[in-house]
């Protein structure tokens, strides 16, 4: 796992629903739900699609610092 992401927080702050993000990103609602709730890790292309749809940088949403993964 990449670590925590703030996708759920971003969606709430921007007032964007899973359905709206799905339309803009081309990613299924169920996949977005699993990613936002950190059930699964997205592929790189999925992270890029989400960030573009939200007009944000990938690193603003997803923690990609895998080196600190084992630190608590």
N, C-alpha and C. Protein backbone atom coordinates (compact mmCIF):
# COMPACT_ATOMS: atom_id res chain seq x y z
N UNK A 1 0.85 -1.19 0.00
CA UNK A 1 0.00 0.00 0.00
C UNK A 1 0.89 1.24 0.00
N UNK A 2 0.40 2.26 -0.66
CA UNK A 2 1.14 3.52 -0.73
C UNK A 2 1.05 4.31 0.56
N UNK A 3 0.13 4.00 1.40
CA UNK A 3 -0.10 4.80 2.59
C UNK A 3 -1.40 5.56 2.42
N UNK A 4 -1.63 6.45 3.31
CA UNK A 4 -2.91 7.16 3.32
C UNK A 4 -3.08 8.06 2.12
N UNK A 5 -4.33 8.19 1.70
CA UNK A 5 -4.68 9.19 0.70
C UNK A 5 -5.80 10.04 1.28
N UNK A 6 -5.97 11.21 0.72
CA UNK A 6 -6.98 12.11 1.23
C UNK A 6 -8.12 12.30 0.22
N UNK A 7 -8.33 11.32 -0.63
CA UNK A 7 -9.35 11.43 -1.66
C UNK A 7 -10.73 11.69 -1.06
N UNK A 8 -11.09 10.97 -0.03
CA UNK A 8 -12.40 11.16 0.59
C UNK A 8 -12.55 12.59 1.10
N UNK A 9 -11.52 13.10 1.74
CA UNK A 9 -11.53 14.47 2.26
C UNK A 9 -11.67 15.48 1.11
N UNK A 10 -10.93 15.26 0.04
CA UNK A 10 -10.98 16.16 -1.12
C UNK A 10 -12.38 16.17 -1.73
N UNK A 11 -12.98 15.01 -1.87
CA UNK A 11 -14.33 14.93 -2.44
C UNK A 11 -15.32 15.72 -1.59
N UNK A 12 -15.22 15.56 -0.27
CA UNK A 12 -16.13 16.28 0.62
C UNK A 12 -15.90 17.79 0.53
N UNK A 13 -14.64 18.21 0.53
CA UNK A 13 -14.32 19.64 0.47
C UNK A 13 -14.77 20.27 -0.83
N UNK A 14 -14.65 19.54 -1.93
CA UNK A 14 -15.02 20.08 -3.23
C UNK A 14 -16.50 19.86 -3.56
N UNK A 15 -17.19 19.09 -2.71
CA UNK A 15 -18.59 18.80 -2.96
C UNK A 15 -18.80 17.93 -4.19
N UNK A 16 -17.85 17.03 -4.43
CA UNK A 16 -17.90 16.15 -5.60
C UNK A 16 -18.34 14.76 -5.14
N UNK A 17 -19.26 14.16 -5.87
CA UNK A 17 -19.71 12.81 -5.55
C UNK A 17 -18.86 11.78 -6.31
N UNK A 18 -18.96 10.54 -5.87
CA UNK A 18 -18.27 9.46 -6.58
C UNK A 18 -18.75 9.40 -8.03
N UNK A 19 -20.05 9.58 -8.23
CA UNK A 19 -20.63 9.50 -9.57
C UNK A 19 -20.08 10.61 -10.47
N UNK A 20 -19.97 11.83 -9.93
CA UNK A 20 -19.42 12.94 -10.71
C UNK A 20 -17.96 12.69 -11.06
N UNK A 21 -17.19 12.22 -10.08
CA UNK A 21 -15.78 11.94 -10.32
C UNK A 21 -15.63 10.80 -11.31
N UNK A 22 -16.51 9.82 -11.22
CA UNK A 22 -16.48 8.70 -12.15
C UNK A 22 -16.66 9.18 -13.59
N UNK A 23 -17.61 10.06 -13.79
CA UNK A 23 -17.86 10.59 -15.14
C UNK A 23 -16.64 11.35 -15.67
N UNK A 24 -16.02 12.15 -14.80
CA UNK A 24 -14.89 12.97 -15.25
C UNK A 24 -13.61 12.17 -15.43
N UNK A 25 -13.43 11.12 -14.63
CA UNK A 25 -12.17 10.37 -14.64
C UNK A 25 -12.23 9.09 -15.48
N UNK A 26 -13.44 8.58 -15.71
CA UNK A 26 -13.56 7.31 -16.43
C UNK A 26 -13.32 6.11 -15.54
N UNK A 27 -13.31 6.30 -14.23
CA UNK A 27 -13.08 5.22 -13.27
C UNK A 27 -14.42 4.87 -12.63
N UNK A 28 -14.67 3.60 -12.43
CA UNK A 28 -15.96 3.17 -11.89
C UNK A 28 -16.19 3.72 -10.48
N UNK A 29 -17.45 3.89 -10.15
CA UNK A 29 -17.83 4.38 -8.82
C UNK A 29 -17.29 3.44 -7.74
N UNK A 30 -17.42 2.14 -7.96
CA UNK A 30 -16.97 1.18 -6.95
C UNK A 30 -15.46 1.25 -6.75
N UNK A 31 -14.71 1.42 -7.82
CA UNK A 31 -13.25 1.56 -7.68
C UNK A 31 -12.89 2.82 -6.91
N UNK A 32 -13.58 3.91 -7.21
CA UNK A 32 -13.33 5.16 -6.49
C UNK A 32 -13.63 5.00 -5.00
N UNK A 33 -14.72 4.31 -4.69
CA UNK A 33 -15.07 4.07 -3.29
C UNK A 33 -13.96 3.30 -2.58
N UNK A 34 -13.49 2.23 -3.21
CA UNK A 34 -12.44 1.41 -2.59
C UNK A 34 -11.14 2.18 -2.42
N UNK A 35 -10.81 3.03 -3.37
CA UNK A 35 -9.60 3.83 -3.28
C UNK A 35 -9.74 4.87 -2.17
N UNK A 36 -10.86 5.58 -2.16
CA UNK A 36 -11.09 6.64 -1.17
C UNK A 36 -11.11 6.09 0.25
N UNK A 37 -11.60 4.87 0.42
CA UNK A 37 -11.67 4.25 1.74
C UNK A 37 -10.48 3.35 2.02
N UNK A 38 -9.46 3.44 1.18
CA UNK A 38 -8.18 2.77 1.34
C UNK A 38 -8.30 1.25 1.47
N UNK A 39 -9.25 0.70 0.73
CA UNK A 39 -9.41 -0.75 0.66
C UNK A 39 -8.41 -1.31 -0.34
N UNK A 40 -8.13 -0.53 -1.39
CA UNK A 40 -7.22 -0.97 -2.44
C UNK A 40 -6.34 0.20 -2.87
N UNK A 41 -5.20 -0.12 -3.43
CA UNK A 41 -4.31 0.89 -3.99
C UNK A 41 -4.59 1.06 -5.48
N UNK A 42 -4.64 2.30 -5.93
CA UNK A 42 -4.86 2.53 -7.35
C UNK A 42 -3.58 2.35 -8.16
N UNK A 43 -3.76 2.03 -9.44
CA UNK A 43 -2.61 2.01 -10.36
C UNK A 43 -2.20 3.45 -10.62
N UNK A 44 -1.00 3.61 -11.14
CA UNK A 44 -0.50 4.95 -11.44
C UNK A 44 -1.43 5.69 -12.40
N UNK A 45 -1.91 5.01 -13.43
CA UNK A 45 -2.79 5.66 -14.40
C UNK A 45 -4.11 6.10 -13.76
N UNK A 46 -4.57 5.33 -12.79
CA UNK A 46 -5.80 5.68 -12.07
C UNK A 46 -5.58 6.92 -11.21
N UNK A 47 -4.44 6.97 -10.53
CA UNK A 47 -4.13 8.15 -9.71
C UNK A 47 -4.06 9.41 -10.58
N UNK A 48 -3.46 9.28 -11.74
CA UNK A 48 -3.35 10.42 -12.66
C UNK A 48 -4.74 10.86 -13.13
N UNK A 49 -5.58 9.91 -13.49
CA UNK A 49 -6.93 10.23 -13.96
C UNK A 49 -7.75 10.93 -12.87
N UNK A 50 -7.63 10.47 -11.64
CA UNK A 50 -8.34 11.09 -10.52
C UNK A 50 -7.84 12.52 -10.30
N UNK A 51 -6.54 12.67 -10.27
CA UNK A 51 -5.96 14.00 -10.04
C UNK A 51 -6.36 14.98 -11.14
N UNK A 52 -6.30 14.54 -12.38
CA UNK A 52 -6.69 15.41 -13.49
C UNK A 52 -8.16 15.80 -13.40
N UNK A 53 -9.01 14.84 -13.07
CA UNK A 53 -10.44 15.12 -12.98
C UNK A 53 -10.75 16.12 -11.87
N UNK A 54 -9.92 16.12 -10.82
CA UNK A 54 -10.11 17.05 -9.71
C UNK A 54 -9.27 18.31 -9.85
N UNK A 55 -8.52 18.41 -10.96
CA UNK A 55 -7.65 19.56 -11.22
C UNK A 55 -6.64 19.75 -10.08
N UNK A 56 -5.99 18.64 -9.73
CA UNK A 56 -5.01 18.63 -8.63
C UNK A 56 -3.78 17.82 -9.07
N UNK A 57 -2.74 17.90 -8.26
CA UNK A 57 -1.56 17.07 -8.47
C UNK A 57 -1.78 15.72 -7.79
N UNK A 58 -1.21 14.68 -8.36
CA UNK A 58 -1.31 13.35 -7.77
C UNK A 58 -0.81 13.37 -6.33
N UNK A 59 0.30 14.05 -6.09
CA UNK A 59 0.90 14.08 -4.76
C UNK A 59 0.10 14.90 -3.75
N UNK A 60 -0.87 15.69 -4.23
CA UNK A 60 -1.76 16.40 -3.31
C UNK A 60 -2.82 15.47 -2.74
N UNK A 61 -3.05 14.35 -3.41
CA UNK A 61 -4.10 13.42 -3.00
C UNK A 61 -3.52 12.14 -2.40
N UNK A 62 -2.47 11.63 -3.01
CA UNK A 62 -1.92 10.33 -2.63
C UNK A 62 -0.53 10.48 -2.03
N UNK A 63 -0.30 9.76 -0.93
CA UNK A 63 1.02 9.72 -0.29
C UNK A 63 1.84 8.65 -1.01
N UNK A 64 2.82 9.11 -1.78
CA UNK A 64 3.63 8.18 -2.56
C UNK A 64 4.98 7.89 -1.91
N UNK A 65 5.15 8.28 -0.67
CA UNK A 65 6.42 8.07 0.02
C UNK A 65 6.46 6.68 0.64
N UNK A 66 6.65 5.68 -0.20
CA UNK A 66 6.66 4.29 0.23
C UNK A 66 7.80 3.98 1.18
N UNK A 67 8.83 4.81 1.22
CA UNK A 67 9.98 4.55 2.09
C UNK A 67 9.60 4.63 3.56
N UNK A 68 8.60 5.43 3.91
CA UNK A 68 8.19 5.59 5.31
C UNK A 68 7.04 4.67 5.70
N UNK A 69 6.74 3.72 4.87
CA UNK A 69 5.60 2.84 5.05
C UNK A 69 5.67 2.06 6.37
N UNK A 70 6.84 1.58 6.74
CA UNK A 70 6.96 0.76 7.93
C UNK A 70 7.11 1.56 9.21
N UNK A 71 7.27 2.86 9.07
CA UNK A 71 7.40 3.70 10.25
C UNK A 71 6.02 4.07 10.76
N UNK A 72 5.86 4.07 12.05
CA UNK A 72 4.56 4.24 12.61
C UNK A 72 4.09 5.53 13.00
